[in-house]
């Protein structure tokens, strides 16, 4: 990770309007909060609407899926300069994998091919529909699964990295159930930028930080 660059990678640069084309990586403090042995922030497991888990960590809620956007490559040919490199995204993905070892043991690769007729198949079909290219997963608890999702491609400016918090039956063969209809995992960095804009202008409940309502102080 480029520490010198992190000095300038604050919330405004990570979530400002230019980040849609220039690319973005979560600020250092937000990345660090995801790499502790304690697991994902408790508020992320309970979020029921798009919000901020901390000033630098957004969550997007898509039905039963909670999505933590981690990085966005942006358009390498856009002329605005790149705010994040593929190497930085890959390095952060590796660190999330390592943290996941503390949370839930070794990760498993979730196959994106095939045509399963159960809840795992419903999730993988939705992942394919949103351009996922590689997915590592964990069974975090009896009811909760985690998935580190790489999606998109560098050439067309759609490469992204996100952590999904989903029902365990979406990633675990042992807990798989009936097919799930209507799983929608679509999101873009523009959603994050809009959420940041709402917070900065003080508009709407989505601008609130869930960190403020966590009585135990977890972030």
Foldseek 3Di string as FASTA:
>chain_A
DPVVLLVVQAQCNQQPPCCQAQKHFFRPVQLVLLLDLPHHFPVQQVDDAWAAQDSGWTWHDFPQKIKTWGIFFHAPPPPPHHSDDPVRVVVSLVSNQVSVCSQARHWDKLDLDDQDQWLLNLLSVQLVVQAWDTWIKGQRDQFKIKIWTWGDDHNVRGTTTMIMIHTSLNRDPVNIGGHDPDGHPDDGSVVSNVLCVCLVVVHDPRNDHCQVVPPVNRD
